[in-house]
Amino acid sequence: MPSLMRFLTLVAIVGAVGFGAIYALATFVSPRTREMTVTIPAARLKGAPPEAAATVHPKTAGAEAAAESATSTR
């Protein structure tokens, strides 16, 4: 039983130190704010053609099969 109590005490102390470190970081450290710029390729702004969009990103389970049958009947 004494070894169990020592183990639980050690776990509690380690947990308290960890909690204290996280609390201190959250309280005393403030993040630096800065402006951010992200370049978006022009191809992503245009969007994909409807046929390609149906096969790449199907909205429903049958959209891919419907797109394949539509291209085969044309």
C-alpha atoms as a PDB file:
ATOM      1  CA  MET A   1       0.000   0.000   0.000  1.00  0.00           C
ATOM      2  CA  PRO A   2       2.794   2.523   0.687  1.00  0.00           C
ATOM      3  CA  SER A   3       4.121   2.086  -2.864  1.00  0.00           C
ATOM      4  CA  LEU A   4       0.662   2.869  -4.256  1.00  0.00           C
ATOM      5  CA  MET A   5       0.451   6.033  -2.163  1.00  0.00           C
ATOM      6  CA  ARG A   6       3.932   7.115  -3.282  1.00  0.00           C
ATOM      7  CA  PHE A   7       2.978   6.510  -6.911  1.00  0.00           C
ATOM      8  CA  LEU A   8      -0.289   8.457  -6.622  1.00  0.00           C
ATOM      9  CA  THR A   9       1.525  11.290  -4.842  1.00  0.00           C
ATOM     10  CA  LEU A  10       4.142  11.409  -7.574  1.00  0.00           C
ATOM     11  CA  VAL A  11       1.454  11.444 -10.295  1.00  0.00           C
ATOM     12  CA  ALA A  12      -0.386  14.240  -8.470  1.00  0.00           C
ATOM     13  CA  ILE A  13       2.793  16.307  -8.115  1.00  0.00           C
ATOM     14  CA  VAL A  14       3.728  15.852 -11.784  1.00  0.00           C
ATOM     15  CA  GLY A  15       0.160  16.754 -12.792  1.00  0.00           C
ATOM     16  CA  ALA A  16       0.183  19.858 -10.591  1.00  0.00           C
ATOM     17  CA  VAL A  17       3.521  21.008 -12.022  1.00  0.00           C
ATOM     18  CA  GLY A  18       2.227  20.433 -15.570  1.00  0.00           C
ATOM     19  CA  PHE A  19      -0.990  22.308 -14.838  1.00  0.00           C
ATOM     20  CA  GLY A  20       0.978  25.154 -13.258  1.00  0.00           C
ATOM     21  CA  ALA A  21       3.245  25.404 -16.310  1.00  0.00           C
ATOM     22  CA  ILE A  22       0.310  25.529 -18.707  1.00  0.00           C
ATOM     23  CA  TYR A  23      -1.486  28.083 -16.535  1.00  0.00           C
ATOM     24  CA  ALA A  24       1.625  30.259 -16.349  1.00  0.00           C
ATOM     25  CA  LEU A  25       2.082  30.141 -20.125  1.00  0.00           C
ATOM     26  CA  ALA A  26      -1.558  31.024 -20.737  1.00  0.00           C
ATOM     27  CA  THR A  27      -1.498  33.862 -18.226  1.00  0.00           C
ATOM     28  CA  PHE A  28       1.872  35.524 -18.683  1.00  0.00           C
ATOM     29  CA  VAL A  29       2.664  34.981 -22.388  1.00  0.00           C
ATOM     30  CA  SER A  30       0.738  36.943 -24.998  1.00  0.00           C
ATOM     31  CA  PRO A  31       0.922  36.063 -28.697  1.00  0.00           C
ATOM     32  CA  ARG A  32       2.364  38.511 -31.212  1.00  0.00           C
ATOM     33  CA  THR A  33      -0.196  39.553 -33.799  1.00  0.00           C
ATOM     34  CA  ARG A  34       0.923  40.182 -37.354  1.00  0.00           C
ATOM     35  CA  GLU A  35      -0.562  40.611 -40.795  1.00  0.00           C
ATOM     36  CA  MET A  36      -0.641  37.584 -43.045  1.00  0.00           C
ATOM     37  CA  THR A  37      -0.837  37.367 -46.849  1.00  0.00           C
ATOM     38  CA  VAL A  38      -1.737  34.182 -48.719  1.00  0.00           C
ATOM     39  CA  THR A  39      -1.378  33.939 -52.491  1.00  0.00           C
ATOM     40  CA  ILE A  40      -4.162  31.958 -54.193  1.00  0.00           C
ATOM     41  CA  PRO A  41      -3.465  30.534 -57.677  1.00  0.00           C
ATOM     42  CA  ALA A  42      -5.756  31.859 -60.411  1.00  0.00           C
ATOM     43  CA  ALA A  43      -6.781  28.311 -61.367  1.00  0.00           C
ATOM     44  CA  ARG A  44      -8.420  27.851 -57.980  1.00  0.00           C
ATOM     45  CA  LEU A  45     -10.413  31.062 -58.404  1.00  0.00           C
ATOM     46  CA  LYS A  46     -11.908  30.026 -61.748  1.00  0.00           C
ATOM     47  CA  GLY A  47     -13.217  26.681 -60.525  1.00  0.00           C
ATOM     48  CA  ALA A  48     -13.286  23.384 -62.366  1.00  0.00           C
ATOM     49  CA  PRO A  49     -15.535  22.534 -65.311  1.00  0.00           C
ATOM     50  CA  PRO A  50     -18.826  20.877 -64.265  1.00  0.00           C
ATOM     51  CA  GLU A  51     -17.821  17.458 -65.645  1.00  0.00           C
ATOM     52  CA  ALA A  52     -14.505  17.468 -63.798  1.00  0.00           C
ATOM     53  CA  ALA A  53     -16.102  18.738 -60.603  1.00  0.00           C
ATOM     54  CA  ALA A  54     -18.608  15.874 -60.571  1.00  0.00           C
ATOM     55  CA  THR A  55     -15.923  13.208 -60.867  1.00  0.00           C
ATOM     56  CA  VAL A  56     -13.392  14.817 -58.508  1.00  0.00           C
ATOM     57  CA  HIS A  57     -15.789  15.942 -55.759  1.00  0.00           C
ATOM     58  CA  PRO A  58     -19.009  13.904 -55.907  1.00  0.00           C
ATOM     59  CA  LYS A  59     -21.840  15.424 -53.896  1.00  0.00           C
ATOM     60  CA  THR A  60     -23.726  12.125 -53.599  1.00  0.00           C
ATOM     61  CA  ALA A  61     -22.902   8.456 -53.936  1.00  0.00           C
ATOM     62  CA  GLY A  62     -24.399   8.249 -57.436  1.00  0.00           C
ATOM     63  CA  ALA A  63     -22.896  11.452 -58.827  1.00  0.00           C
ATOM     64  CA  GLU A  64     -19.782   9.702 -60.077  1.00  0.00           C
ATOM     65  CA  ALA A  65     -21.774   6.979 -61.835  1.00  0.00           C
ATOM     66  CA  ALA A  66     -24.147   9.559 -63.310  1.00  0.00           C
ATOM     67  CA  ALA A  67     -21.241  11.599 -64.643  1.00  0.00           C
ATOM     68  CA  GLU A  68     -19.692   8.520 -66.247  1.00  0.00           C
ATOM     69  CA  SER A  69     -22.961   7.516 -67.889  1.00  0.00           C
ATOM     70  CA  ALA A  70     -23.517  11.083 -69.110  1.00  0.00           C
ATOM     71  CA  THR A  71     -20.108  11.169 -70.807  1.00  0.00           C
ATOM     72  CA  SER A  72     -20.572   7.743 -72.364  1.00  0.00           C
ATOM     73  CA  THR A  73     -23.943   8.666 -73.929  1.00  0.00           C
ATOM     74  CA  ARG A  74     -22.610  11.837 -75.547  1.00  0.00           C
END
